[in-house]
Amino acid sequence: MRFFKKYYRHISIGLVSGILNGLFGSGGGCIVVPAMEKFLKMDEKKSHATAIAVILVMSAVSSFFYIRGGYFDYKIWIPVTLGGIAGGAAGAAILSKISVRWLKIVFGTVIGITAFKMIF
């Protein structure tokens, strides 16, 4: 119980983002990053980098259930994963060079465009 009291914000962020990840397939990042910045007072770049590690574990768990439920396309997985590995390396390299201001602009723009496209 003591652990929960000390880390209730952390656990709450994980719970909400885990539910979103399970529903949307790795959609938790749009919650994890801003939540860590606001509620845990994390630096922007650290919150983005930490979110990737959090999302990795959540995605592994969600993947297990998606595969078990038959919602997995093995033919697409390898080529998309290869592109994702290259993109992840490029993004991590860019993160160390981009200013916090531009990081927020790019992140907010991507989230906004994604939301718009999902609605319309």
C-alpha atoms as a PDB file:
ATOM      1  CA  MET A   1       0.000   0.000   0.000  1.00  0.00           C
ATOM      2  CA  ARG A   2       2.897   2.295   0.772  1.00  0.00           C
ATOM      3  CA  PHE A   3       4.260   1.737  -2.735  1.00  0.00           C
ATOM      4  CA  PHE A   4       0.912   2.720  -4.279  1.00  0.00           C
ATOM      5  CA  LYS A   5       0.704   5.914  -2.211  1.00  0.00           C
ATOM      6  CA  LYS A   6       4.192   6.900  -3.316  1.00  0.00           C
ATOM      7  CA  TYR A   7       3.660   6.048  -6.992  1.00  0.00           C
ATOM      8  CA  TYR A   8      -0.087   6.535  -7.507  1.00  0.00           C
ATOM      9  CA  ARG A   9       0.462   9.133 -10.244  1.00  0.00           C
ATOM     10  CA  HIS A  10       2.888   6.881 -12.074  1.00  0.00           C
ATOM     11  CA  ILE A  11       0.552   3.879 -11.816  1.00  0.00           C
ATOM     12  CA  SER A  12      -2.465   5.959 -12.892  1.00  0.00           C
ATOM     13  CA  ILE A  13      -0.641   7.224 -15.985  1.00  0.00           C
ATOM     14  CA  GLY A  14       0.350   3.655 -16.823  1.00  0.00           C
ATOM     15  CA  LEU A  15      -3.174   2.344 -16.296  1.00  0.00           C
ATOM     16  CA  VAL A  16      -4.818   4.929 -18.553  1.00  0.00           C
ATOM     17  CA  SER A  17      -2.169   4.634 -21.253  1.00  0.00           C
ATOM     18  CA  GLY A  18      -2.276   0.822 -21.029  1.00  0.00           C
ATOM     19  CA  ILE A  19      -6.025   0.825 -21.630  1.00  0.00           C
ATOM     20  CA  LEU A  20      -5.576   3.133 -24.624  1.00  0.00           C
ATOM     21  CA  ASN A  21      -2.725   0.963 -25.913  1.00  0.00           C
ATOM     22  CA  GLY A  22      -4.899  -2.135 -25.652  1.00  0.00           C
ATOM     23  CA  LEU A  23      -7.802  -0.427 -27.413  1.00  0.00           C
ATOM     24  CA  PHE A  24      -5.946   1.438 -30.139  1.00  0.00           C
ATOM     25  CA  GLY A  25      -2.694  -0.484 -30.553  1.00  0.00           C
ATOM     26  CA  SER A  26       0.000   1.738 -29.083  1.00  0.00           C
ATOM     27  CA  GLY A  27      -2.099   4.860 -28.722  1.00  0.00           C
ATOM     28  CA  GLY A  28      -0.894   5.374 -25.177  1.00  0.00           C
ATOM     29  CA  GLY A  29       1.987   7.646 -26.206  1.00  0.00           C
ATOM     30  CA  CYS A  30      -0.320  10.604 -26.667  1.00  0.00           C
ATOM     31  CA  ILE A  31      -1.246  10.241 -23.002  1.00  0.00           C
ATOM     32  CA  VAL A  32       2.054   9.092 -21.481  1.00  0.00           C
ATOM     33  CA  VAL A  33       4.203  11.992 -22.731  1.00  0.00           C
ATOM     34  CA  PRO A  34       1.982  14.921 -21.665  1.00  0.00           C
ATOM     35  CA  ALA A  35       1.019  13.165 -18.417  1.00  0.00           C
ATOM     36  CA  MET A  36       4.649  12.578 -17.408  1.00  0.00           C
ATOM     37  CA  GLU A  37       5.470  16.192 -18.189  1.00  0.00           C
ATOM     38  CA  LYS A  38       2.497  17.614 -16.278  1.00  0.00           C
ATOM     39  CA  PHE A  39       2.016  15.243 -13.340  1.00  0.00           C
ATOM     40  CA  LEU A  40       5.549  13.923 -12.849  1.00  0.00           C
ATOM     41  CA  LYS A  41       7.281  17.187 -13.834  1.00  0.00           C
ATOM     42  CA  MET A  42       9.554  15.352 -16.262  1.00  0.00           C
ATOM     43  CA  ASP A  43      11.731  17.109 -18.789  1.00  0.00           C
ATOM     44  CA  GLU A  44      10.210  16.983 -22.288  1.00  0.00           C
ATOM     45  CA  LYS A  45      12.982  14.956 -23.893  1.00  0.00           C
ATOM     46  CA  LYS A  46      13.132  12.501 -20.990  1.00  0.00           C
ATOM     47  CA  SER A  47       9.373  12.038 -21.114  1.00  0.00           C
ATOM     48  CA  HIS A  48       9.490  11.231 -24.844  1.00  0.00           C
ATOM     49  CA  ALA A  49      12.356   8.777 -24.378  1.00  0.00           C
ATOM     50  CA  THR A  50      10.793   7.155 -21.292  1.00  0.00           C
ATOM     51  CA  ALA A  51       7.446   6.865 -23.084  1.00  0.00           C
ATOM     52  CA  ILE A  52       9.080   4.742 -25.781  1.00  0.00           C
ATOM     53  CA  ALA A  53      10.260   2.219 -23.189  1.00  0.00           C
ATOM     54  CA  VAL A  54       6.849   2.231 -21.482  1.00  0.00           C
ATOM     55  CA  ILE A  55       5.077   1.760 -24.811  1.00  0.00           C
ATOM     56  CA  LEU A  56       7.411  -1.108 -25.736  1.00  0.00           C
ATOM     57  CA  VAL A  57       6.281  -3.154 -22.753  1.00  0.00           C
ATOM     58  CA  MET A  58       2.616  -2.205 -23.155  1.00  0.00           C
ATOM     59  CA  SER A  59       2.775  -3.107 -26.835  1.00  0.00           C
ATOM     60  CA  ALA A  60       4.308  -6.494 -26.076  1.00  0.00           C
ATOM     61  CA  VAL A  61       1.467  -7.287 -23.683  1.00  0.00           C
ATOM     62  CA  SER A  62      -1.205  -6.008 -26.086  1.00  0.00           C
ATOM     63  CA  SER A  63       0.428  -7.931 -28.955  1.00  0.00           C
ATOM     64  CA  PHE A  64       0.080 -11.158 -27.030  1.00  0.00           C
ATOM     65  CA  PHE A  65      -3.686 -10.669 -26.800  1.00  0.00           C
ATOM     66  CA  TYR A  66      -4.015  -9.458 -30.410  1.00  0.00           C
ATOM     67  CA  ILE A  67      -2.096 -12.503 -31.703  1.00  0.00           C
ATOM     68  CA  ARG A  68      -4.103 -14.860 -29.497  1.00  0.00           C
ATOM     69  CA  GLY A  69      -7.332 -13.284 -30.778  1.00  0.00           C
ATOM     70  CA  GLY A  70      -6.310 -13.697 -34.422  1.00  0.00           C
ATOM     71  CA  TYR A  71      -5.894  -9.979 -35.118  1.00  0.00           C
ATOM     72  CA  PHE A  72      -2.320 -10.242 -36.353  1.00  0.00           C
ATOM     73  CA  ASP A  73      -1.014 -10.201 -39.941  1.00  0.00           C
ATOM     74  CA  TYR A  74       2.321 -12.007 -40.092  1.00  0.00           C
ATOM     75  CA  LYS A  75       2.941 -11.018 -43.750  1.00  0.00           C
ATOM     76  CA  ILE A  76       2.964  -7.325 -42.915  1.00  0.00           C
ATOM     77  CA  TRP A  77       4.762  -7.554 -39.575  1.00  0.00           C
ATOM     78  CA  ILE A  78       8.384  -8.035 -40.769  1.00  0.00           C
ATOM     79  CA  PRO A  79       8.562  -5.243 -43.386  1.00  0.00           C
ATOM     80  CA  VAL A  80       6.769  -2.753 -41.131  1.00  0.00           C
ATOM     81  CA  THR A  81       9.005  -3.732 -38.211  1.00  0.00           C
ATOM     82  CA  LEU A  82      12.147  -3.204 -40.322  1.00  0.00           C
ATOM     83  CA  GLY A  83      10.928   0.264 -41.276  1.00  0.00           C
ATOM     84  CA  GLY A  84      10.051   0.924 -37.644  1.00  0.00           C
ATOM     85  CA  ILE A  85      13.551  -0.028 -36.504  1.00  0.00           C
ATOM     86  CA  ALA A  86      15.113   2.382 -38.990  1.00  0.00           C
ATOM     87  CA  GLY A  87      12.614   5.101 -38.087  1.00  0.00           C
ATOM     88  CA  GLY A  88      13.125   4.549 -34.364  1.00  0.00           C
ATOM     89  CA  ALA A  89      16.893   4.933 -34.721  1.00  0.00           C
ATOM     90  CA  ALA A  90      16.445   8.091 -36.796  1.00  0.00           C
ATOM     91  CA  GLY A  91      13.945   9.538 -34.320  1.00  0.00           C
ATOM     92  CA  ALA A  92      16.216   8.836 -31.355  1.00  0.00           C
ATOM     93  CA  ALA A  93      19.109  10.560 -33.146  1.00  0.00           C
ATOM     94  CA  ILE A  94      16.930  13.561 -33.994  1.00  0.00           C
ATOM     95  CA  LEU A  95      15.616  13.825 -30.405  1.00  0.00           C
ATOM     96  CA  SER A  96      19.092  14.663 -29.119  1.00  0.00           C
ATOM     97  CA  LYS A  97      19.443  17.472 -31.671  1.00  0.00           C
ATOM     98  CA  ILE A  98      15.972  19.046 -31.757  1.00  0.00           C
ATOM     99  CA  SER A  99      14.995  21.880 -29.430  1.00  0.00           C
ATOM    100  CA  VAL A 100      12.231  21.355 -26.890  1.00  0.00           C
ATOM    101  CA  ARG A 101      10.132  23.995 -28.661  1.00  0.00           C
ATOM    102  CA  TRP A 102      10.305  22.165 -32.009  1.00  0.00           C
ATOM    103  CA  LEU A 103       9.732  18.836 -30.293  1.00  0.00           C
ATOM    104  CA  LYS A 104       6.464  20.176 -28.871  1.00  0.00           C
ATOM    105  CA  ILE A 105       5.445  21.674 -32.219  1.00  0.00           C
ATOM    106  CA  VAL A 106       6.106  18.452 -34.131  1.00  0.00           C
ATOM    107  CA  PHE A 107       4.495  16.230 -31.486  1.00  0.00           C
ATOM    108  CA  GLY A 108       1.412  18.451 -31.230  1.00  0.00           C
ATOM    109  CA  THR A 109       1.092  18.664 -35.007  1.00  0.00           C
ATOM    110  CA  VAL A 110       1.301  14.893 -35.455  1.00  0.00           C
ATOM    111  CA  ILE A 111      -1.289  14.317 -32.718  1.00  0.00           C
ATOM    112  CA  GLY A 112      -3.568  16.982 -34.215  1.00  0.00           C
ATOM    113  CA  ILE A 113      -3.343  15.606 -37.763  1.00  0.00           C
ATOM    114  CA  THR A 114      -3.913  12.075 -36.495  1.00  0.00           C
ATOM    115  CA  ALA A 115      -6.975  13.148 -34.518  1.00  0.00           C
ATOM    116  CA  PHE A 116      -8.381  15.028 -37.520  1.00  0.00           C
ATOM    117  CA  LYS A 117      -7.870  12.060 -39.860  1.00  0.00           C
ATOM    118  CA  MET A 118      -9.473   9.662 -37.387  1.00  0.00           C
ATOM    119  CA  ILE A 119     -12.551  11.847 -37.056  1.00  0.00           C
ATOM    120  CA  PHE A 120     -12.967  12.644 -40.760  1.00  0.00           C
END
